[in-house]
Protein backbone atom coordinates (compact mmCIF):
# COMPACT_ATOMS: atom_id res chain seq x y z
CA MET A 1 8.83 8.57 -24.83
CA MET A 2 5.20 8.19 -25.88
CA PRO A 3 2.74 7.34 -23.08
CA GLU A 4 1.78 3.68 -23.02
CA LYS A 5 -1.75 2.79 -24.09
CA LEU A 6 -3.59 0.82 -21.43
CA THR A 7 -7.19 -0.08 -20.72
CA ILE A 8 -8.05 0.47 -17.07
CA ALA A 9 -11.41 -0.48 -15.53
CA VAL A 10 -12.49 1.60 -12.53
CA SER A 11 -15.50 1.18 -10.24
CA GLY A 12 -17.00 3.64 -7.74
CA LEU A 13 -18.73 6.09 -10.10
CA ASN A 14 -21.36 7.20 -7.56
CA ASN A 15 -20.24 10.83 -7.39
CA THR A 16 -22.95 11.90 -4.88
CA ASP A 17 -22.91 13.51 -1.43
CA ASN A 18 -21.32 10.23 -0.30
CA PRO A 19 -18.95 9.98 -3.25
CA GLY A 20 -17.13 6.91 -4.47
CA PRO A 21 -13.44 7.17 -5.36
CA GLY A 22 -13.93 6.24 -9.03
CA VAL A 23 -14.15 9.69 -10.60
CA PRO A 24 -11.12 11.17 -8.73
CA VAL A 25 -9.11 8.02 -9.45
CA ILE A 26 -9.91 8.43 -13.14
CA ARG A 27 -8.94 12.12 -12.99
CA GLY A 28 -5.55 11.08 -11.64
CA LEU A 29 -5.14 8.49 -14.38
CA ARG A 30 -6.05 11.06 -17.03
CA GLU A 31 -3.16 13.21 -15.80
CA SER A 32 -0.63 10.38 -16.04
CA THR A 33 2.58 11.12 -17.91
CA ILE A 34 3.31 7.38 -18.19
CA PHE A 35 0.02 6.06 -19.55
CA ALA A 36 -2.50 7.12 -22.15
CA PRO A 37 -5.40 5.26 -20.57
CA ARG A 38 -8.63 4.08 -22.09
CA ILE A 39 -11.00 4.14 -19.12
CA LEU A 40 -13.78 1.61 -18.66
CA GLY A 41 -16.25 2.65 -15.98
CA ILE A 42 -17.70 -0.18 -13.90
CA ALA A 43 -21.13 0.63 -12.48
CA TYR A 44 -23.54 -1.27 -10.24
CA GLU A 45 -26.47 1.13 -10.70
CA ASN A 46 -27.69 2.88 -13.84
CA LEU A 47 -27.97 6.25 -12.04
CA GLU A 48 -24.37 6.54 -10.86
CA PRO A 49 -23.44 10.09 -11.91
CA GLY A 50 -19.99 9.14 -13.19
CA VAL A 51 -21.70 7.14 -15.93
CA TYR A 52 -22.94 10.35 -17.55
CA MET A 53 -20.09 12.77 -16.83
CA GLU A 54 -18.29 13.91 -19.97
CA GLY A 55 -14.57 13.12 -20.17
CA VAL A 56 -14.61 10.59 -17.35
CA ALA A 57 -15.04 7.09 -18.80
CA ASP A 58 -14.60 6.15 -22.46
CA LYS A 59 -17.05 3.29 -22.02
CA VAL A 60 -19.23 2.19 -19.09
CA TYR A 61 -20.53 -1.27 -18.22
CA ILE A 62 -22.97 -2.42 -15.54
CA ILE A 63 -21.97 -5.49 -13.56
CA PRO A 64 -23.88 -7.46 -10.90
CA TYR A 65 -23.36 -6.79 -7.20
CA PRO A 66 -20.79 -9.14 -5.60
CA SER A 67 -23.43 -9.90 -2.96
CA GLN A 68 -25.24 -11.87 -5.68
CA GLY A 69 -22.25 -14.22 -5.85
CA MET A 70 -18.94 -13.99 -7.65
CA GLU A 71 -19.83 -16.33 -10.51
CA PRO A 72 -22.07 -13.80 -12.29
CA VAL A 73 -19.59 -11.00 -11.52
CA LEU A 74 -16.66 -12.92 -12.99
CA ALA A 75 -18.75 -14.01 -15.95
CA ARG A 76 -19.67 -10.39 -16.65
CA LEU A 77 -16.07 -9.21 -16.27
CA GLU A 78 -14.91 -11.96 -18.64
CA ALA A 79 -17.54 -10.94 -21.20
CA ILE A 80 -16.44 -7.29 -20.93
CA HIS A 81 -12.80 -8.36 -21.18
CA GLN A 82 -13.47 -10.30 -24.39
CA GLN A 83 -15.16 -7.27 -25.90
CA ASP A 84 -12.84 -4.62 -24.41
CA PRO A 85 -9.61 -6.22 -23.07
CA ILE A 86 -8.81 -4.92 -19.55
CA ASP A 87 -5.20 -4.47 -18.48
CA VAL A 88 -5.84 -3.27 -14.91
CA LEU A 89 -8.93 -3.31 -12.69
CA ILE A 90 -9.17 -0.79 -9.83
CA PRO A 91 -12.12 -1.58 -7.52
CA ASN A 92 -13.08 1.25 -5.17
CA PHE A 93 -15.86 -0.06 -2.92
CA ASP A 94 -15.17 -1.82 0.39
CA SER A 95 -17.99 -4.29 -0.29
CA GLU A 96 -16.44 -5.52 -3.55
CA LEU A 97 -12.85 -5.83 -2.34
CA LEU A 98 -12.91 -9.13 -0.46
CA PRO A 99 -14.73 -11.05 -3.23
CA LEU A 100 -12.29 -9.64 -5.80
CA ILE A 101 -9.28 -10.43 -3.58
CA ARG A 102 -10.51 -14.01 -3.42
CA SER A 103 -10.92 -13.99 -7.21
CA GLU A 104 -7.45 -12.63 -7.95
CA ASN A 105 -6.21 -15.88 -9.51
CA GLN A 106 -9.20 -16.06 -11.86
CA LEU A 107 -8.69 -12.43 -12.86
CA ASN A 108 -4.98 -13.00 -13.44
CA SER A 109 -5.75 -16.00 -15.64
CA LEU A 110 -7.82 -13.69 -17.83
CA GLY A 111 -4.98 -11.17 -18.00
CA ILE A 112 -6.71 -8.65 -15.70
CA HIS A 113 -4.25 -7.22 -13.19
CA THR A 114 -5.20 -5.88 -9.74
CA PHE A 115 -3.20 -4.62 -6.76
CA LEU A 116 -5.21 -5.37 -3.65
CA PRO A 117 -4.50 -6.24 -0.01
CA THR A 118 -4.21 -9.88 0.99
CA ILE A 119 -7.15 -11.52 2.77
CA ALA A 120 -5.18 -11.41 6.03
CA GLN A 121 -4.44 -7.70 5.63
CA TYR A 122 -8.06 -6.94 4.75
CA GLU A 123 -9.46 -8.82 7.74
CA GLU A 124 -6.90 -7.60 10.28
CA ARG A 125 -8.01 -3.97 9.88
CA LEU A 126 -11.75 -4.63 10.00
CA LYS A 127 -13.63 -2.28 12.33
CA SER A 128 -14.49 -5.24 14.54
CA ASN A 129 -10.77 -6.12 14.81
CA LEU A 130 -9.41 -2.58 15.22
CA PRO A 131 -8.76 -2.77 19.02
CA GLU A 132 -6.57 -5.86 18.50
CA PHE A 133 -4.87 -4.10 15.56
CA GLY A 134 -4.04 -1.16 17.83
CA LYS A 135 -2.59 -3.39 20.53
CA LYS A 136 -0.52 -5.37 18.05
CA TYR A 137 1.03 -2.32 16.40
CA ASP A 138 1.09 0.01 19.43
CA ILE A 139 -1.47 2.51 18.11
CA LEU A 140 -4.11 4.33 20.14
CA VAL A 141 -7.61 3.14 19.18
CA PRO A 142 -10.88 4.25 20.81
CA ARG A 143 -12.63 1.58 22.87
CA SER A 144 -14.96 -0.37 20.64
CA GLN A 145 -16.87 -3.62 20.43
CA PRO A 146 -18.65 -5.48 17.62
CA ILE A 147 -22.21 -6.57 18.41
CA SER A 148 -24.79 -8.73 16.66
CA ALA A 149 -27.90 -7.97 18.73
CA ALA A 150 -29.52 -4.79 20.08
CA MET A 151 -29.85 -6.37 23.54
CA GLU A 152 -26.05 -6.05 23.93
CA ILE A 153 -26.17 -2.25 23.66
CA PRO A 154 -27.24 -1.18 27.20
CA LYS A 155 -24.42 -3.16 28.84
CA LEU A 156 -21.83 -1.84 26.37
CA CYS A 157 -23.00 1.74 26.73
CA HIS A 158 -22.51 1.34 30.47
CA GLU A 159 -18.98 -0.04 30.03
CA ILE A 160 -17.76 2.35 27.30
CA PRO A 161 -17.97 6.08 28.11
CA GLY A 162 -20.33 7.92 25.75
CA PRO A 163 -21.18 9.32 23.34
CA TRP A 164 -20.63 6.53 20.81
CA MET A 165 -20.20 6.08 17.08
CA ILE A 166 -22.37 3.25 15.75
CA LYS A 167 -20.64 1.91 12.64
CA GLY A 168 -21.58 -0.44 9.82
CA LYS A 169 -19.14 -3.11 8.73
CA PHE A 170 -18.67 -1.44 5.34
CA TYR A 171 -20.10 2.09 5.55
CA ASP A 172 -22.03 4.52 7.72
CA ALA A 173 -21.42 5.90 11.17
CA ILE A 174 -24.06 7.47 13.41
CA LEU A 175 -23.33 9.45 16.57
CA ALA A 176 -25.46 8.33 19.54
CA HIS A 177 -25.74 10.20 22.84
CA ASN A 178 -27.86 7.68 24.75
CA VAL A 179 -28.94 4.04 24.67
CA GLU A 180 -32.14 4.79 22.72
CA GLU A 181 -30.22 6.57 19.95
CA ALA A 182 -27.67 3.75 19.88
CA VAL A 183 -30.41 1.11 19.48
CA ALA A 184 -32.07 3.09 16.67
CA ALA A 185 -28.72 3.51 14.90
CA PHE A 186 -28.02 -0.23 15.29
CA TYR A 187 -31.25 -1.19 13.54
CA LYS A 188 -30.77 1.36 10.77
CA ILE A 189 -27.20 0.35 9.99
CA SER A 190 -27.63 -3.41 10.38
CA ALA A 191 -30.64 -3.32 8.04
CA GLN A 192 -28.48 -1.81 5.31
CA TRP A 193 -25.06 -3.36 5.87
CA GLY A 194 -25.67 -6.46 7.94
CA LEU A 195 -23.84 -7.66 11.03
CA PRO A 196 -21.75 -7.10 13.01
CA VAL A 197 -22.29 -3.47 13.95
CA VAL A 198 -19.50 -1.76 15.89
CA ILE A 199 -19.97 0.51 18.89
CA GLN A 200 -16.97 2.81 19.21
CA GLN A 201 -16.22 5.44 21.83
CA PHE A 202 -16.52 8.90 20.30
CA ILE A 203 -13.32 10.94 20.57
CA GLN A 204 -13.77 14.69 20.36
CA GLY A 205 -11.08 16.39 18.29
CA THR A 206 -9.77 17.31 14.85
CA GLU A 207 -10.49 14.87 12.04
CA LEU A 208 -7.39 13.96 10.02
CA ASN A 209 -6.97 11.49 7.17
CA VAL A 210 -4.06 9.98 5.28
CA VAL A 211 -4.19 8.48 1.79
CA ALA A 212 -1.33 6.06 1.20
CA LEU A 213 -0.03 3.35 -1.10
CA GLY A 214 2.01 0.34 0.00
CA ASP A 215 4.07 -1.87 -2.31
CA GLY A 216 3.21 -5.15 -0.55
CA HIS A 217 6.73 -5.56 0.84
CA GLY A 218 6.66 -2.96 3.61
CA LYS A 219 7.59 0.09 1.57
CA THR A 220 5.45 3.22 1.51
CA ILE A 221 5.18 4.42 -2.10
CA GLY A 222 3.27 7.56 -1.19
CA ALA A 223 1.37 9.19 1.67
CA VAL A 224 -0.47 12.50 1.92
CA PRO A 225 -2.20 13.66 5.14
CA MET A 226 -5.06 16.14 5.18
CA ARG A 227 -7.25 17.92 7.71
CA LYS A 228 -10.98 18.06 7.08
CA LEU A 229 -12.24 21.64 6.75
CA TYR A 230 -15.93 21.01 6.02
CA ILE A 231 -17.77 17.83 6.94
CA THR A 232 -21.20 16.79 5.66
CA ASP A 233 -23.95 15.28 7.79
CA LYS A 234 -22.75 11.90 6.52
CA GLY A 235 -19.33 12.61 8.04
CA LYS A 236 -17.67 13.01 4.64
CA ALA A 237 -15.07 15.65 3.92
CA TRP A 238 -16.46 18.25 1.53
CA SER A 239 -13.32 20.31 1.85
CA GLY A 240 -9.84 19.56 3.15
CA ILE A 241 -6.26 20.78 3.18
CA THR A 242 -2.96 18.92 2.98
CA ILE A 243 -0.88 19.23 6.13
CA ALA A 244 2.76 18.57 6.96
CA ASP A 245 2.14 16.36 9.99
CA LYS A 246 5.28 14.39 10.82
CA PHE A 247 3.51 12.07 13.26
CA LEU A 248 0.86 11.05 10.71
CA LEU A 249 3.49 10.28 8.10
CA GLU A 250 5.55 8.26 10.58
CA LEU A 251 2.46 6.37 11.72
CA THR A 252 1.55 5.57 8.11
CA THR A 253 4.99 4.22 7.27
CA HIS A 254 4.93 2.26 10.55
CA ILE A 255 1.63 0.57 9.65
CA ILE A 256 2.66 -0.18 6.08
CA SER A 257 6.04 -1.49 7.21
CA LYS A 258 4.62 -3.77 9.92
CA THR A 259 1.72 -5.10 7.83
CA SER A 260 3.48 -5.14 4.43
CA TRP A 261 0.34 -3.44 3.15
CA ARG A 262 -0.43 -4.06 -0.51
CA GLY A 263 -2.40 -1.39 -2.38
CA GLY A 264 -4.16 1.81 -1.48
CA MET A 265 -5.37 2.67 2.01
CA GLU A 266 -6.89 5.48 4.02
CA LEU A 267 -6.25 6.11 7.70
CA GLU A 268 -8.99 7.97 9.56
CA MET A 269 -7.60 9.67 12.64
CA ILE A 270 -8.74 11.95 15.46
CA ARG A 271 -6.31 14.33 17.17
CA SER A 272 -7.70 15.04 20.62
CA ALA A 273 -7.38 18.30 22.54
CA ASP A 274 -4.42 16.83 24.48
CA GLN A 275 -2.66 16.10 21.15
CA LYS A 276 -3.14 12.36 21.20
CA TYR A 277 -3.74 10.63 17.88
CA TYR A 278 -6.45 7.96 17.74
CA LEU A 279 -6.89 5.59 14.79
CA VAL A 280 -10.65 5.24 14.26
CA GLU A 281 -10.72 3.39 10.94
CA ILE A 282 -8.59 1.94 8.13
CA ASN A 283 -10.21 1.83 4.71
CA PRO A 284 -8.52 -0.80 2.50
CA ARG A 285 -8.61 1.19 -0.73
CA ILE A 286 -8.04 4.61 -2.24
CA PRO A 287 -10.43 7.22 -0.76
CA ALA A 288 -12.70 9.63 -2.60
CA TRP A 289 -10.44 12.61 -1.86
CA VAL A 290 -7.41 11.05 -3.60
CA TYR A 291 -7.36 13.79 -6.25
CA LEU A 292 -6.08 16.14 -3.52
CA ALA A 293 -2.97 13.95 -3.32
CA VAL A 294 -2.59 14.20 -7.10
CA GLY A 295 -2.88 17.98 -6.87
CA ALA A 296 -0.29 18.00 -4.07
CA GLY A 297 2.25 16.15 -6.21
CA GLN A 298 1.61 12.43 -5.64
CA ASN A 299 -0.30 10.70 -8.43
CA LEU A 300 -1.16 7.60 -6.42
CA PRO A 301 -3.61 6.14 -8.99
CA GLU A 302 -0.84 6.18 -11.61
CA ALA A 303 1.58 4.56 -9.15
CA LEU A 304 -0.98 1.88 -8.27
CA VAL A 305 -1.28 0.92 -11.95
CA GLN A 306 2.49 0.57 -12.15
CA LEU A 307 2.48 -1.77 -9.17
CA ALA A 308 -0.47 -3.76 -10.55
CA LEU A 309 1.57 -4.41 -13.69
CA GLY A 310 4.47 -5.69 -11.57
CA ARG A 311 6.71 -2.74 -12.31
CA GLU A 312 9.08 -0.82 -10.08
CA GLN A 313 7.65 2.38 -8.67
CA GLU A 314 9.93 4.84 -6.95
CA PRO A 315 8.44 6.22 -3.71
CA PHE A 316 7.26 9.81 -3.66
CA THR A 317 9.51 11.87 -1.43
CA SER A 318 7.43 15.00 -0.94
CA PHE A 319 4.07 16.71 -1.39
CA LYS A 320 2.83 20.28 -1.20
CA ALA A 321 1.26 21.26 2.10
CA GLY A 322 -1.50 23.88 2.00
CA LYS A 323 -3.25 22.48 -1.05
CA MET A 324 -7.04 22.46 -0.65
CA PHE A 325 -9.90 20.60 -2.26
CA ILE A 326 -13.48 21.88 -2.30
CA ARG A 327 -16.27 19.66 -3.63
CA TYR A 328 -19.27 21.08 -5.41
CA SER A 329 -22.60 19.92 -6.81
CA TYR A 330 -23.30 20.08 -10.52
CA ASP A 331 -26.48 19.23 -12.41
CA LEU A 332 -25.99 16.92 -15.39
CA ILE A 333 -28.59 17.16 -18.13
CA VAL A 334 -29.07 13.77 -19.77
CA ASP A 335 -31.56 12.57 -22.37
CA ALA A 336 -33.97 10.01 -20.97
CA GLU A 337 -33.18 7.82 -23.96
CA THR A 338 -29.52 7.70 -22.93
CA HIS A 339 -30.41 6.52 -19.44
CA GLN A 340 -32.96 4.01 -20.71
CA SER A 341 -30.54 2.61 -23.25
CA PHE A 342 -27.86 2.17 -20.59
CA ALA A 343 -30.31 0.53 -18.20
CA ILE A 344 -31.45 -1.94 -20.86
CA LYS A 345 -28.15 -2.70 -22.60
CA GLY A 346 -25.92 -2.54 -19.52
CA GLU A 347 -23.31 -0.50 -21.36
CA LYS A 348 -22.85 3.01 -22.68
């Protein structure tokens, strides 16, 4: 059977030291045996590296930030759709998910399919709600508290044993060892990502992650755990290895079953020295290391497209443990005219 031709729009092309998931998602889609995709890159900045990488996107468009309001975003997507009809849209930034979830009906009316969590699912796993999430689903979560003012920090630092991770509501986490460092981290993160900021007890241990896909009805379509091997100063995995961790897989299926999770997700876990597993974060979308899952035998981006189109997708039953990923830096040489043209026209 010939692969089906589809046009798939993918955001998250910022392939930097804090990479977006867009490029690895596209790599997975390019390896699909079901689809022959035409890839539209969706960019928010004209210097996102994925815009200029050969063999990644067939066409790239700039769209406004959702923070500017959804009307201009939807208007831009509709204009792109009229010029280049989109079958499936895969957003990959936390900050764009909630506005797009709320706009799902408008997107569907245009014929643009998505497969995103519900508003309730998205909000339940927010960093500020994670302690309640842990209690509800019987999962260990480090002590944490959302705050909206720096004056709350001294009292919290007295109540929660240090050190602490100071976390933004979308991105960023800074380790603080005393009140002064915590206050400085609060101002830095709140200035970039707004409020609330979360203070979370730091758990020393091994950093583990799981990429997973839920069908929206409680079934786990795929799940691949990995252990971080090299971590950047931003806390991002620069190298990792798939692991056969039964507890992580059981925990993932437990969460997806209880929440009926819809779409991609990433669990960020810490395994302490006494072998306790702490859930420190749930990201409500496919993570930037998803291509490791593809290499281990689970093409989750391909499966997500199937679900977005309302089709049956058989769950993956296995993956290869011991598969590694290693990121690297690569200098792209681009003509200034190419960049200027993209910046002016908003497409490439």
